C-alpha atoms as a PDB file:
ATOM      1  CA  MET A   1       0.000   0.000   0.000  1.00  0.00           C
ATOM      2  CA  ARG A   2       1.159   3.539  -0.668  1.00  0.00           C
ATOM      3  CA  ASP A   3       2.372   5.919   2.010  1.00  0.00           C
ATOM      4  CA  LEU A   4      -0.313   7.983   3.706  1.00  0.00           C
ATOM      5  CA  ASP A   5       0.034  11.675   4.379  1.00  0.00           C
ATOM      6  CA  ILE A   6      -0.623  12.989   7.856  1.00  0.00           C
ATOM      7  CA  THR A   7      -4.122  14.184   6.938  1.00  0.00           C
ATOM      8  CA  GLU A   8      -5.107  10.712   5.739  1.00  0.00           C
ATOM      9  CA  VAL A   9      -3.627   9.061   8.838  1.00  0.00           C
ATOM     10  CA  ALA A  10      -5.546  11.505  11.045  1.00  0.00           C
ATOM     11  CA  ARG A  11      -8.773  10.835   9.140  1.00  0.00           C
ATOM     12  CA  ARG A  12      -8.429   7.044   9.218  1.00  0.00           C
ATOM     13  CA  SER A  13      -7.216   6.755  12.797  1.00  0.00           C
ATOM     14  CA  GLY A  14      -9.239   9.525  14.416  1.00  0.00           C
ATOM     15  CA  VAL A  15      -5.997  10.833  15.948  1.00  0.00           C
ATOM     16  CA  PRO A  16      -5.512  14.574  15.394  1.00  0.00           C
ATOM     17  CA  ALA A  17      -2.509  15.656  13.316  1.00  0.00           C
ATOM     18  CA  SER A  18      -1.121  17.534  16.331  1.00  0.00           C
ATOM     19  CA  THR A  19      -1.137  14.289  18.324  1.00  0.00           C
ATOM     20  CA  LEU A  20       0.531  12.440  15.449  1.00  0.00           C
ATOM     21  CA  ARG A  21       3.307  15.046  15.445  1.00  0.00           C
ATOM     22  CA  PHE A  22       3.623  14.698  19.237  1.00  0.00           C
ATOM     23  CA  TYR A  23       3.787  10.887  18.975  1.00  0.00           C
ATOM     24  CA  GLU A  24       6.505  11.273  16.374  1.00  0.00           C
ATOM     25  CA  GLU A  25       8.482  13.587  18.691  1.00  0.00           C
ATOM     26  CA  LYS A  26       8.135  10.971  21.478  1.00  0.00           C
ATOM     27  CA  GLY A  27       9.368   8.235  19.134  1.00  0.00           C
ATOM     28  CA  LEU A  28       6.094   6.299  19.184  1.00  0.00           C
ATOM     29  CA  ILE A  29       5.653   6.567  15.420  1.00  0.00           C
ATOM     30  CA  ALA A  30       7.976   7.541  12.588  1.00  0.00           C
ATOM     31  CA  SER A  31       7.274   9.289   9.330  1.00  0.00           C
ATOM     32  CA  THR A  32       8.810   7.911   6.157  1.00  0.00           C
ATOM     33  CA  GLY A  33       9.355  11.282   4.526  1.00  0.00           C
ATOM     34  CA  ARG A  34       7.445  14.293   3.260  1.00  0.00           C
ATOM     35  CA  ARG A  35       5.291  15.300   0.372  1.00  0.00           C
ATOM     36  CA  GLY A  36       5.695  19.051   0.324  1.00  0.00           C
ATOM     37  CA  LEU A  37       5.130  20.151   3.915  1.00  0.00           C
ATOM     38  CA  ARG A  38       3.108  17.075   4.871  1.00  0.00           C
ATOM     39  CA  ARG A  39       4.598  14.127   6.707  1.00  0.00           C
ATOM     40  CA  LEU A  40       4.169  10.709   5.120  1.00  0.00           C
ATOM     41  CA  PHE A  41       3.628   7.483   7.047  1.00  0.00           C
ATOM     42  CA  ASP A  42       3.725   3.831   6.104  1.00  0.00           C
ATOM     43  CA  SER A  43       0.225   2.308   6.271  1.00  0.00           C
ATOM     44  CA  GLY A  44       1.428   0.149   9.199  1.00  0.00           C
ATOM     45  CA  VAL A  45       1.211   3.283  11.345  1.00  0.00           C
ATOM     46  CA  LEU A  46      -2.552   2.700  11.613  1.00  0.00           C
ATOM     47  CA  GLU A  47      -2.037  -0.582  13.459  1.00  0.00           C
ATOM     48  CA  ARG A  48       0.591   1.007  15.667  1.00  0.00           C
ATOM     49  CA  LEU A  49      -1.804   3.855  16.507  1.00  0.00           C
ATOM     50  CA  ALA A  50      -4.444   1.254  17.397  1.00  0.00           C
ATOM     51  CA  LEU A  51      -1.962  -0.407  19.786  1.00  0.00           C
ATOM     52  CA  ILE A  52      -1.142   2.981  21.315  1.00  0.00           C
ATOM     53  CA  ALA A  53      -4.868   3.688  21.766  1.00  0.00           C
ATOM     54  CA  LEU A  54      -5.345   0.292  23.413  1.00  0.00           C
ATOM     55  CA  GLY A  55      -2.458   0.982  25.781  1.00  0.00           C
ATOM     56  CA  ARG A  56      -3.815   4.424  26.660  1.00  0.00           C
ATOM     57  CA  ALA A  57      -7.293   2.984  27.276  1.00  0.00           C
ATOM     58  CA  ALA A  58      -5.741   0.425  29.643  1.00  0.00           C
ATOM     59  CA  GLY A  59      -4.050   3.237  31.563  1.00  0.00           C
ATOM     60  CA  PHE A  60      -0.477   2.947  30.344  1.00  0.00           C
ATOM     61  CA  SER A  61       1.542   6.148  30.015  1.00  0.00           C
ATOM     62  CA  LEU A  62       3.092   7.050  26.676  1.00  0.00           C
ATOM     63  CA  ASP A  63       6.527   6.243  28.118  1.00  0.00           C
ATOM     64  CA  GLU A  64       5.290   2.785  29.148  1.00  0.00           C
ATOM     65  CA  ILE A  65       3.799   2.272  25.709  1.00  0.00           C
ATOM     66  CA  ALA A  66       7.064   3.298  24.055  1.00  0.00           C
ATOM     67  CA  LEU A  67       8.792   0.480  25.941  1.00  0.00           C
ATOM     68  CA  MET A  68       6.345  -1.962  24.352  1.00  0.00           C
ATOM     69  CA  PHE A  69       7.924  -1.496  20.928  1.00  0.00           C
ATOM     70  CA  ALA A  70      11.280  -2.905  19.863  1.00  0.00           C
ATOM     71  CA  PRO A  71      13.727  -0.579  18.078  1.00  0.00           C
ATOM     72  CA  ASP A  72      12.522  -1.985  14.738  1.00  0.00           C
ATOM     73  CA  GLY A  73       8.972  -0.898  15.607  1.00  0.00           C
ATOM     74  CA  ARG A  74       7.557  -4.353  16.227  1.00  0.00           C
ATOM     75  CA  PRO A  75       5.503  -4.937  19.376  1.00  0.00           C
ATOM     76  CA  ARG A  76       7.515  -6.197  22.337  1.00  0.00           C
ATOM     77  CA  ILE A  77       4.864  -6.434  25.006  1.00  0.00           C
ATOM     78  CA  ASP A  78       5.945  -7.439  28.500  1.00  0.00           C
ATOM     79  CA  ARG A  79       3.408  -9.959  29.809  1.00  0.00           C
ATOM     80  CA  GLN A  80       4.325  -9.237  33.430  1.00  0.00           C
ATOM     81  CA  ARG A  81       3.617  -5.553  32.861  1.00  0.00           C
ATOM     82  CA  LEU A  82       0.220  -6.482  31.403  1.00  0.00           C
ATOM     83  CA  ALA A  83      -0.565  -8.690  34.417  1.00  0.00           C
ATOM     84  CA  ALA A  84       0.463  -5.913  36.810  1.00  0.00           C
ATOM     85  CA  LYS A  85      -1.757  -3.416  34.970  1.00  0.00           C
ATOM     86  CA  ALA A  86      -4.660  -5.892  35.142  1.00  0.00           C
ATOM     87  CA  GLU A  87      -4.166  -6.146  38.926  1.00  0.00           C
ATOM     88  CA  GLU A  88      -4.085  -2.364  39.178  1.00  0.00           C
ATOM     89  CA  LEU A  89      -7.337  -2.159  37.213  1.00  0.00           C
ATOM     90  CA  ASP A  90      -8.917  -4.793  39.478  1.00  0.00           C
ATOM     91  CA  ARG A  91      -8.025  -2.674  42.538  1.00  0.00           C
ATOM     92  CA  ARG A  92      -9.440   0.435  40.898  1.00  0.00           C
ATOM     93  CA  ILE A  93     -12.645  -1.392  39.917  1.00  0.00           C
ATOM     94  CA  ARG A  94     -13.119  -2.491  43.536  1.00  0.00           C
ATOM     95  CA  GLU A  95     -12.584   1.092  44.737  1.00  0.00           C
ATOM     96  CA  LEU A  96     -15.011   2.512  42.187  1.00  0.00           C
ATOM     97  CA  SER A  97     -17.601  -0.170  42.913  1.00  0.00           C
ATOM     98  CA  ALA A  98     -17.457   0.630  46.629  1.00  0.00           C
ATOM     99  CA  MET A  99     -17.775   4.338  45.867  1.00  0.00           C
ATOM    100  CA  ARG A 100     -20.729   3.735  43.536  1.00  0.00           C
ATOM    101  CA  ASP A 101     -22.499   1.596  46.136  1.00  0.00           C
ATOM    102  CA  GLY A 102     -21.866   4.197  48.836  1.00  0.00           C
ATOM    103  CA  LEU A 103     -23.189   7.021  46.672  1.00  0.00           C
ATOM    104  CA  ARG A 104     -26.305   5.046  45.805  1.00  0.00           C
ATOM    105  CA  HIS A 105     -26.882   4.357  49.483  1.00  0.00           C
ATOM    106  CA  ALA A 106     -26.321   8.008  50.412  1.00  0.00           C
ATOM    107  CA  ALA A 107     -28.771   9.129  47.724  1.00  0.00           C
ATOM    108  CA  ALA A 108     -31.521   6.865  49.079  1.00  0.00           C
ATOM    109  CA  CYS A 109     -30.568   6.807  52.772  1.00  0.00           C
ATOM    110  CA  PRO A 110     -33.526   7.424  55.098  1.00  0.00           C
ATOM    111  CA  ALA A 111     -31.343   9.015  57.815  1.00  0.00           C
ATOM    112  CA  PRO A 112     -32.321  12.628  58.545  1.00  0.00           C
ATOM    113  CA  SER A 113     -28.739  13.749  57.855  1.00  0.00           C
ATOM    114  CA  HIS A 114     -25.976  12.078  55.903  1.00  0.00           C
ATOM    115  CA  LEU A 115     -23.692  12.544  58.899  1.00  0.00           C
ATOM    116  CA  GLU A 116     -26.076  10.368  60.930  1.00  0.00           C
ATOM    117  CA  CYS A 117     -25.769   7.532  58.418  1.00  0.00           C
ATOM    118  CA  PRO A 118     -23.120   4.928  59.403  1.00  0.00           C
ATOM    119  CA  THR A 119     -22.534   3.964  55.754  1.00  0.00           C
ATOM    120  CA  PHE A 120     -21.934   7.563  54.708  1.00  0.00           C
ATOM    121  CA  ARG A 121     -19.627   8.117  57.691  1.00  0.00           C
ATOM    122  CA  ARG A 122     -17.578   5.062  56.610  1.00  0.00           C
ATOM    123  CA  LEU A 123     -17.233   6.625  53.150  1.00  0.00           C
ATOM    124  CA  VAL A 124     -16.052   9.891  54.691  1.00  0.00           C
ATOM    125  CA  ARG A 125     -13.487   8.064  56.866  1.00  0.00           C
ATOM    126  CA  ALA A 126     -12.245   6.071  53.866  1.00  0.00           C
ATOM    127  CA  ALA A 127     -11.846   9.259  51.833  1.00  0.00           C
ATOM    128  CA  ALA A 128     -10.038  10.984  54.704  1.00  0.00           C
ATOM    129  CA  SER A 129      -7.605   8.089  55.056  1.00  0.00           C
ATOM    130  CA  GLY A 130      -6.773   8.104  51.352  1.00  0.00           C
ATOM    131  CA  ALA A 131      -8.316   4.657  50.828  1.00  0.00           C
ATOM    132  CA  MET A 132     -10.397   5.978  47.958  1.00  0.00           C
ATOM    133  CA  GLY A 133      -7.416   7.082  45.899  1.00  0.00           C
ATOM    134  CA  ALA A 134      -7.828  10.829  46.387  1.00  0.00           C
ATOM    135  CA  ARG A 135      -4.553  11.171  48.286  1.00  0.00           C
ATOM    136  CA  ARG A 136      -2.602   8.453  46.534  1.00  0.00           C
ATOM    137  CA  LYS A 137       0.569   9.655  44.862  1.00  0.00           C
ATOM    138  CA  ARG A 138       1.308   8.379  41.388  1.00  0.00           C
ATOM    139  CA  ALA A 139       4.526   6.496  40.880  1.00  0.00           C
ATOM    140  CA  PRO A 140       6.978   8.172  38.476  1.00  0.00           C
END
């Protein structure tokens, strides 16, 4: 297949041209040349952009995603890293599920005041202790 210019890649992938240029600066994708002022990309960039989108949706940073490609551009996905991310997502799902359940209870709670509701007070204590992720610091 012929090379695609940046406008065509943006149209087909749904990734804005500015993001494509940023990904190129970060080394996530590489242009094959130029046609006038427009960057050209091999059609394989579309699959690579799909892998980047999948990684972003799973919560990987762009730096983590960059490590998932070998120098020749082929995927080199660390299975242990995937398993660790799955565990992280499981923890986050549990936290969000507890928060959802607490909010639903608080919305329908018959107590005259939310502060009189033991369930709501547990939510407040959990939030104050950082158990709900609000105070958690992100690892570099």
